[in-house]
Protein backbone atom coordinates (compact mmCIF):
# COMPACT_ATOMS: atom_id res chain seq x y z
CA MET A 1 88.22 109.58 79.95
CA ALA A 2 85.76 106.43 78.81
CA LEU A 3 85.59 103.32 80.54
CA THR A 4 87.59 100.75 78.43
CA HIS A 5 89.10 98.06 80.75
CA TRP A 6 87.73 97.27 84.27
CA GLY A 7 87.58 93.77 86.70
CA PHE A 8 84.71 92.14 88.19
CA ILE A 9 86.09 89.64 91.09
CA TYR A 10 83.56 87.16 92.46
CA THR A 11 83.56 84.25 94.53
CA ALA A 12 82.81 80.78 93.30
CA ALA A 13 83.20 77.30 94.87
CA GLY A 14 85.27 75.42 92.69
CA SER A 15 87.54 78.53 90.95
CA GLY A 16 90.89 77.36 90.21
CA THR A 17 94.23 79.18 92.15
CA GLY A 18 94.80 82.53 90.86
CA GLY A 19 90.99 82.66 89.76
CA ASP A 20 89.21 81.55 86.76
CA VAL A 21 89.12 84.08 84.03
CA SER A 22 86.65 85.15 81.55
CA VAL A 23 86.96 88.17 79.28
CA VAL A 24 84.33 89.68 77.61
CA ASP A 25 85.79 92.34 74.75
CA THR A 26 83.13 94.79 72.94
CA GLY A 27 86.35 96.28 71.14
CA LYS A 28 85.50 99.09 72.81
CA CYS A 29 85.51 98.20 76.42
CA ARG A 30 87.33 94.92 78.25
CA THR A 31 85.94 93.47 80.95
CA VAL A 32 88.02 90.73 83.18
CA LEU A 33 86.00 88.45 85.21
CA VAL A 34 87.76 86.57 87.65
CA GLY A 35 86.01 83.82 90.00
CA VAL A 36 87.96 83.23 93.27
CA GLU A 37 87.71 80.34 95.54
CA LYS A 38 88.19 82.31 98.81
CA PRO A 39 87.83 86.25 99.36
CA GLU A 40 91.85 86.37 100.29
CA GLU A 41 92.62 85.61 97.03
CA ALA A 42 91.26 88.89 95.46
CA ILE A 43 94.08 90.54 96.85
CA GLU A 44 96.37 89.00 94.49
CA VAL A 45 93.90 89.20 91.64
CA ALA A 46 93.38 92.89 92.15
CA ARG A 47 96.98 93.59 92.11
CA ARG A 48 97.14 91.29 88.73
CA LEU A 49 94.31 93.34 87.25
CA VAL A 50 95.71 96.89 88.02
CA GLY A 51 99.34 95.78 86.30
CA GLU A 52 97.08 94.65 83.30
CA GLY A 53 95.33 97.98 83.07
CA VAL A 54 91.95 98.11 84.28
CA GLN A 55 90.45 101.45 85.50
CA LEU A 56 88.30 100.06 88.41
CA ILE A 57 87.67 96.84 90.02
CA GLU A 58 84.21 96.00 91.30
CA LEU A 59 83.71 93.12 93.99
CA CYS A 60 80.82 90.96 93.86
CA GLY A 61 78.36 91.32 97.25
CA GLY A 62 80.18 88.17 99.12
CA PHE A 63 83.19 90.31 100.02
CA GLY A 64 81.65 92.70 101.71
CA PRO A 65 83.10 96.21 103.17
CA VAL A 66 86.08 94.28 104.99
CA TRP A 67 87.40 92.60 101.90
CA ALA A 68 86.63 95.60 100.11
CA GLY A 69 89.04 98.04 102.06
CA ARG A 70 91.73 94.90 102.31
CA VAL A 71 91.52 95.31 98.31
CA ILE A 72 91.74 99.07 98.16
CA GLU A 73 94.70 98.70 100.71
CA ALA A 74 96.72 96.05 98.86
CA ILE A 75 96.41 98.12 95.73
CA ASP A 76 97.42 101.65 97.57
CA GLY A 77 93.79 102.88 96.16
CA VAL A 78 95.40 102.64 92.38
CA VAL A 79 91.72 102.61 91.02
CA PRO A 80 88.54 102.77 92.70
CA VAL A 81 86.96 99.41 94.30
CA GLY A 82 83.45 99.23 94.44
CA THR A 83 81.01 96.73 95.61
CA VAL A 84 77.92 95.10 94.63
CA GLY A 85 75.38 95.80 97.37
CA TYR A 86 71.75 94.09 98.23
CA GLY A 87 68.88 96.08 99.42
CA PRO A 88 66.88 95.09 102.75
CA GLU A 89 64.44 93.47 100.46
CA SER A 90 67.19 90.87 99.16
CA VAL A 91 68.42 90.09 102.73
CA ASP A 92 66.88 87.13 103.70
CA GLN A 93 67.17 85.57 100.08
CA VAL A 94 71.22 86.13 99.70
CA HIS A 95 71.39 84.66 103.38
CA ALA A 96 69.63 81.50 102.48
CA ILE A 97 72.14 80.90 99.43
CA PHE A 98 75.28 81.47 101.57
CA SER A 99 74.41 79.88 104.44
């Protein structure tokens, strides 16, 4: 099976309630990008994405393993959920951005 529809949830200050949605559709693959103000908003967004038929969900690195686990639990593991990770060479820079 080919990947034809997936979602990416990221945190962004100022995002609207329910998430700011952007869609990239190449005709062969539809990518739904959703910005949320707070990590807890990802729960409802993930449920909505699953309802819309996404095949997988990826979370930005700002979520971490705890929120990834909560999202997986909220959607009953129906689709794979992955997270963006940063290697040790980036830890100080990422910390500076989010602190």
